[in-house]
Amino acid sequence: MDRDGLIWFGLAIAAALVAMPGVLAGGLPLFLVCLGLACTLHAGSRRLIVSATLRLLSRGALRTALIVLGAVMLIQLLPLEMALFMAGDVLAYVEVLAAVGLIAANARVRVIRGMIEAKTDQWRAAVRRRIGHRKSRAARPSARRRPPSPDDNPATGWAFA
């Protein structure tokens, strides 16, 4: 068993110890026992669970859920005036989080912009090379067109119908 398998086995044992008092109740600890044992034994399910967890935790969904949960707790626990006062305080924290997120996004945009500029320069150089290697074609004389004959226009007979 490798190191990751041992970590998952430890998670399964810890969840089993938590689930012992209420074995019949089941619920989340029993689910974690089964999940930990499955990830201990099968590397594919381990990769699936880890990638899904990272995808869930890497985006703003968790942060948004925590903010909404905190707001609901404030509304339920405090009187209205105190909840409004605390909501303003929470809003200040949210603004700080938004500012940090914008700073991080700006740093990522600079990197992505540099990558796009490098790719665009490569594309331009390739197009210039292709244009430079083109052979000029001999000009073909244009074919002289005859003027259309009056018999070709059948609509003239219908002018007064």
C-alpha atoms as a PDB file:
ATOM      1  CA  MET A   1       0.000   0.000   0.000  1.00  0.00           C
ATOM      2  CA  ASP A   2       1.406   3.388  -0.990  1.00  0.00           C
ATOM      3  CA  ARG A   3       1.420   6.638   0.992  1.00  0.00           C
ATOM      4  CA  ASP A   4      -1.856   7.922  -0.490  1.00  0.00           C
ATOM      5  CA  GLY A   5      -3.567   4.634   0.327  1.00  0.00           C
ATOM      6  CA  LEU A   6      -2.436   4.906   3.937  1.00  0.00           C
ATOM      7  CA  ILE A   7      -3.792   8.445   4.181  1.00  0.00           C
ATOM      8  CA  TRP A   8      -7.174   7.333   2.879  1.00  0.00           C
ATOM      9  CA  PHE A   9      -7.133   4.333   5.226  1.00  0.00           C
ATOM     10  CA  GLY A  10      -6.504   6.728   8.124  1.00  0.00           C
ATOM     11  CA  LEU A  11      -9.492   8.806   6.996  1.00  0.00           C
ATOM     12  CA  ALA A  12     -11.632   5.655   6.940  1.00  0.00           C
ATOM     13  CA  ILE A  13     -10.497   4.645  10.457  1.00  0.00           C
ATOM     14  CA  ALA A  14     -11.138   8.146  11.857  1.00  0.00           C
ATOM     15  CA  ALA A  15     -14.601   8.253  10.294  1.00  0.00           C
ATOM     16  CA  ALA A  16     -15.320   4.756  11.662  1.00  0.00           C
ATOM     17  CA  LEU A  17     -14.396   5.900  15.175  1.00  0.00           C
ATOM     18  CA  VAL A  18     -16.727   8.883  14.830  1.00  0.00           C
ATOM     19  CA  ALA A  19     -19.508   6.668  13.462  1.00  0.00           C
ATOM     20  CA  MET A  20     -19.213   4.003  16.220  1.00  0.00           C
ATOM     21  CA  PRO A  21     -21.649   5.577  18.723  1.00  0.00           C
ATOM     22  CA  GLY A  22     -24.380   5.976  16.136  1.00  0.00           C
ATOM     23  CA  VAL A  23     -23.838   3.039  13.792  1.00  0.00           C
ATOM     24  CA  LEU A  24     -27.543   2.682  13.218  1.00  0.00           C
ATOM     25  CA  ALA A  25     -27.918   6.388  12.519  1.00  0.00           C
ATOM     26  CA  GLY A  26     -25.512   6.152   9.565  1.00  0.00           C
ATOM     27  CA  GLY A  27     -25.207   9.474   7.836  1.00  0.00           C
ATOM     28  CA  LEU A  28     -22.042  11.313   6.918  1.00  0.00           C
ATOM     29  CA  PRO A  29     -19.475   9.414   9.058  1.00  0.00           C
ATOM     30  CA  LEU A  30     -20.599   6.064   7.655  1.00  0.00           C
ATOM     31  CA  PHE A  31     -20.416   7.494   4.142  1.00  0.00           C
ATOM     32  CA  LEU A  32     -16.890   8.710   4.843  1.00  0.00           C
ATOM     33  CA  VAL A  33     -15.902   5.222   6.056  1.00  0.00           C
ATOM     34  CA  CYS A  34     -17.103   3.673   2.795  1.00  0.00           C
ATOM     35  CA  LEU A  35     -15.493   6.432   0.724  1.00  0.00           C
ATOM     36  CA  GLY A  36     -12.181   6.092   2.558  1.00  0.00           C
ATOM     37  CA  LEU A  37     -12.111   2.322   2.128  1.00  0.00           C
ATOM     38  CA  ALA A  38     -12.972   2.609  -1.563  1.00  0.00           C
ATOM     39  CA  CYS A  39     -10.205   5.158  -2.103  1.00  0.00           C
ATOM     40  CA  THR A  40      -7.782   2.987  -0.132  1.00  0.00           C
ATOM     41  CA  LEU A  41      -8.365  -0.023  -2.332  1.00  0.00           C
ATOM     42  CA  HIS A  42      -8.878   1.540  -5.796  1.00  0.00           C
ATOM     43  CA  ALA A  43      -6.522   4.163  -7.247  1.00  0.00           C
ATOM     44  CA  GLY A  44      -9.012   5.223  -9.946  1.00  0.00           C
ATOM     45  CA  SER A  45     -11.673   6.171  -7.430  1.00  0.00           C
ATOM     46  CA  ARG A  46      -8.983   7.944  -5.392  1.00  0.00           C
ATOM     47  CA  ARG A  47      -8.077  10.088  -8.429  1.00  0.00           C
ATOM     48  CA  LEU A  48     -11.754  10.799  -9.125  1.00  0.00           C
ATOM     49  CA  ILE A  49     -12.493  11.903  -5.542  1.00  0.00           C
ATOM     50  CA  VAL A  50      -9.360  14.046  -5.314  1.00  0.00           C
ATOM     51  CA  SER A  51     -10.015  15.790  -8.650  1.00  0.00           C
ATOM     52  CA  ALA A  52     -13.671  16.428  -7.766  1.00  0.00           C
ATOM     53  CA  THR A  53     -12.690  17.806  -4.344  1.00  0.00           C
ATOM     54  CA  LEU A  54     -10.040  20.077  -5.834  1.00  0.00           C
ATOM     55  CA  ARG A  55     -12.474  21.302  -8.482  1.00  0.00           C
ATOM     56  CA  LEU A  56     -15.061  22.069  -5.795  1.00  0.00           C
ATOM     57  CA  LEU A  57     -12.634  23.841  -3.460  1.00  0.00           C
ATOM     58  CA  SER A  58     -10.634  25.764  -6.061  1.00  0.00           C
ATOM     59  CA  ARG A  59     -13.484  27.931  -7.286  1.00  0.00           C
ATOM     60  CA  GLY A  60     -15.509  30.590  -5.532  1.00  0.00           C
ATOM     61  CA  ALA A  61     -18.393  28.208  -4.790  1.00  0.00           C
ATOM     62  CA  LEU A  62     -17.079  27.291  -1.350  1.00  0.00           C
ATOM     63  CA  ARG A  63     -16.350  30.909  -0.479  1.00  0.00           C
ATOM     64  CA  THR A  64     -19.835  31.971  -1.605  1.00  0.00           C
ATOM     65  CA  ALA A  65     -21.473  29.175   0.380  1.00  0.00           C
ATOM     66  CA  LEU A  66     -19.572  30.183   3.518  1.00  0.00           C
ATOM     67  CA  ILE A  67     -20.592  33.839   3.143  1.00  0.00           C
ATOM     68  CA  VAL A  68     -24.253  32.930   2.623  1.00  0.00           C
ATOM     69  CA  LEU A  69     -24.148  30.512   5.564  1.00  0.00           C
ATOM     70  CA  GLY A  70     -22.623  33.202   7.767  1.00  0.00           C
ATOM     71  CA  ALA A  71     -25.268  35.719   6.719  1.00  0.00           C
ATOM     72  CA  VAL A  72     -28.073  33.258   7.478  1.00  0.00           C
ATOM     73  CA  MET A  73     -26.547  32.514  10.887  1.00  0.00           C
ATOM     74  CA  LEU A  74     -26.353  36.236  11.659  1.00  0.00           C
ATOM     75  CA  ILE A  75     -29.976  36.734  10.682  1.00  0.00           C
ATOM     76  CA  GLN A  76     -31.138  33.827  12.853  1.00  0.00           C
ATOM     77  CA  LEU A  77     -29.034  34.544  15.930  1.00  0.00           C
ATOM     78  CA  LEU A  78     -29.055  38.318  16.318  1.00  0.00           C
ATOM     79  CA  PRO A  79     -31.758  40.960  16.539  1.00  0.00           C
ATOM     80  CA  LEU A  80     -32.356  42.942  13.364  1.00  0.00           C
ATOM     81  CA  GLU A  81     -30.334  46.028  14.315  1.00  0.00           C
ATOM     82  CA  MET A  82     -27.358  43.976  15.399  1.00  0.00           C
ATOM     83  CA  ALA A  83     -27.622  41.781  12.290  1.00  0.00           C
ATOM     84  CA  LEU A  84     -27.558  44.854  10.043  1.00  0.00           C
ATOM     85  CA  PHE A  85     -24.545  46.197  11.919  1.00  0.00           C
ATOM     86  CA  MET A  86     -22.737  42.862  11.557  1.00  0.00           C
ATOM     87  CA  ALA A  87     -23.766  42.609   7.893  1.00  0.00           C
ATOM     88  CA  GLY A  88     -21.885  45.827   7.209  1.00  0.00           C
ATOM     89  CA  ASP A  89     -18.832  44.361   8.904  1.00  0.00           C
ATOM     90  CA  VAL A  90     -19.146  41.168   6.860  1.00  0.00           C
ATOM     91  CA  LEU A  91     -19.533  43.284   3.719  1.00  0.00           C
ATOM     92  CA  ALA A  92     -16.196  44.940   4.473  1.00  0.00           C
ATOM     93  CA  TYR A  93     -14.578  41.499   4.656  1.00  0.00           C
ATOM     94  CA  VAL A  94     -16.216  40.526   1.366  1.00  0.00           C
ATOM     95  CA  GLU A  95     -14.845  43.700  -0.235  1.00  0.00           C
ATOM     96  CA  VAL A  96     -11.350  42.803   0.962  1.00  0.00           C
ATOM     97  CA  LEU A  97     -11.750  39.305  -0.508  1.00  0.00           C
ATOM     98  CA  ALA A  98     -12.940  40.820  -3.800  1.00  0.00           C
ATOM     99  CA  ALA A  99      -9.951  43.169  -3.911  1.00  0.00           C
ATOM    100  CA  VAL A 100      -7.510  40.317  -3.297  1.00  0.00           C
ATOM    101  CA  GLY A 101      -9.270  38.277  -6.004  1.00  0.00           C
ATOM    102  CA  LEU A 102      -8.982  41.150  -8.477  1.00  0.00           C
ATOM    103  CA  ILE A 103      -5.284  41.593  -7.728  1.00  0.00           C
ATOM    104  CA  ALA A 104      -4.694  37.881  -8.292  1.00  0.00           C
ATOM    105  CA  ALA A 105      -6.749  37.965 -11.502  1.00  0.00           C
ATOM    106  CA  ASN A 106      -4.731  40.931 -12.770  1.00  0.00           C
ATOM    107  CA  ALA A 107      -1.513  39.007 -12.221  1.00  0.00           C
ATOM    108  CA  ARG A 108      -2.930  36.042 -14.156  1.00  0.00           C
ATOM    109  CA  VAL A 109      -4.135  38.314 -16.974  1.00  0.00           C
ATOM    110  CA  ARG A 110      -0.602  39.657 -17.479  1.00  0.00           C
ATOM    111  CA  VAL A 111       0.778  36.146 -17.843  1.00  0.00           C
ATOM    112  CA  ILE A 112      -1.991  35.104 -20.232  1.00  0.00           C
ATOM    113  CA  ARG A 113      -1.571  38.293 -22.253  1.00  0.00           C
ATOM    114  CA  GLY A 114       2.154  37.595 -22.629  1.00  0.00           C
ATOM    115  CA  MET A 115       1.421  34.050 -23.797  1.00  0.00           C
ATOM    116  CA  ILE A 116      -1.121  35.317 -26.347  1.00  0.00           C
ATOM    117  CA  GLU A 117       1.334  37.936 -27.635  1.00  0.00           C
ATOM    118  CA  ALA A 118       4.039  35.282 -28.044  1.00  0.00           C
ATOM    119  CA  LYS A 119       1.666  32.999 -29.975  1.00  0.00           C
ATOM    120  CA  THR A 120       0.531  35.923 -32.133  1.00  0.00           C
ATOM    121  CA  ASP A 121       4.147  36.795 -32.952  1.00  0.00           C
ATOM    122  CA  GLN A 122       4.810  33.173 -33.939  1.00  0.00           C
ATOM    123  CA  TRP A 123       1.728  33.190 -36.163  1.00  0.00           C
ATOM    124  CA  ARG A 124       2.748  36.464 -37.830  1.00  0.00           C
ATOM    125  CA  ALA A 125       6.260  35.162 -38.471  1.00  0.00           C
ATOM    126  CA  ALA A 126       4.856  31.979 -40.039  1.00  0.00           C
ATOM    127  CA  VAL A 127       2.530  33.983 -42.284  1.00  0.00           C
ATOM    128  CA  ARG A 128       5.383  36.283 -43.335  1.00  0.00           C
ATOM    129  CA  ARG A 129       7.546  33.274 -44.176  1.00  0.00           C
ATOM    130  CA  ARG A 130       4.793  31.769 -46.289  1.00  0.00           C
ATOM    131  CA  ILE A 131       4.223  35.047 -48.101  1.00  0.00           C
ATOM    132  CA  GLY A 132       7.969  35.392 -48.721  1.00  0.00           C
ATOM    133  CA  HIS A 133       8.254  31.868 -50.161  1.00  0.00           C
ATOM    134  CA  ARG A 134       5.351  32.242 -52.556  1.00  0.00           C
ATOM    135  CA  LYS A 135       6.141  32.050 -56.218  1.00  0.00           C
ATOM    136  CA  SER A 136       4.678  34.684 -58.411  1.00  0.00           C
ATOM    137  CA  ARG A 137       2.271  33.325 -60.950  1.00  0.00           C
ATOM    138  CA  ALA A 138       2.320  34.213 -64.593  1.00  0.00           C
ATOM    139  CA  ALA A 139      -0.419  36.606 -65.478  1.00  0.00           C
ATOM    140  CA  ARG A 140      -3.023  35.018 -67.696  1.00  0.00           C
ATOM    141  CA  PRO A 141      -4.536  37.166 -70.380  1.00  0.00           C
ATOM    142  CA  SER A 142      -8.153  37.886 -69.742  1.00  0.00           C
ATOM    143  CA  ALA A 143     -10.666  36.370 -72.132  1.00  0.00           C
ATOM    144  CA  ARG A 144     -12.504  38.904 -74.241  1.00  0.00           C
ATOM    145  CA  ARG A 145     -16.186  38.747 -73.779  1.00  0.00           C
ATOM    146  CA  ARG A 146     -18.528  39.139 -76.683  1.00  0.00           C
ATOM    147  CA  PRO A 147     -21.352  41.562 -76.322  1.00  0.00           C
ATOM    148  CA  PRO A 148     -24.637  39.773 -75.654  1.00  0.00           C
ATOM    149  CA  SER A 149     -26.829  39.245 -78.694  1.00  0.00           C
ATOM    150  CA  PRO A 150     -30.340  40.680 -78.672  1.00  0.00           C
ATOM    151  CA  ASP A 151     -31.802  37.179 -79.165  1.00  0.00           C
ATOM    152  CA  ASP A 152     -30.549  36.102 -75.745  1.00  0.00           C
ATOM    153  CA  ASN A 153     -33.003  38.306 -73.830  1.00  0.00           C
ATOM    154  CA  PRO A 154     -36.447  36.606 -73.913  1.00  0.00           C
ATOM    155  CA  ALA A 155     -38.107  39.207 -71.657  1.00  0.00           C
ATOM    156  CA  THR A 156     -38.352  41.870 -74.366  1.00  0.00           C
ATOM    157  CA  GLY A 157     -41.416  40.218 -75.922  1.00  0.00           C
ATOM    158  CA  TRP A 158     -43.339  40.408 -72.677  1.00  0.00           C
ATOM    159  CA  ALA A 159     -42.999  44.133 -72.162  1.00  0.00           C
ATOM    160  CA  PHE A 160     -46.575  44.970 -73.212  1.00  0.00           C
ATOM    161  CA  ALA A 161     -48.397  41.822 -72.137  1.00  0.00           C
END
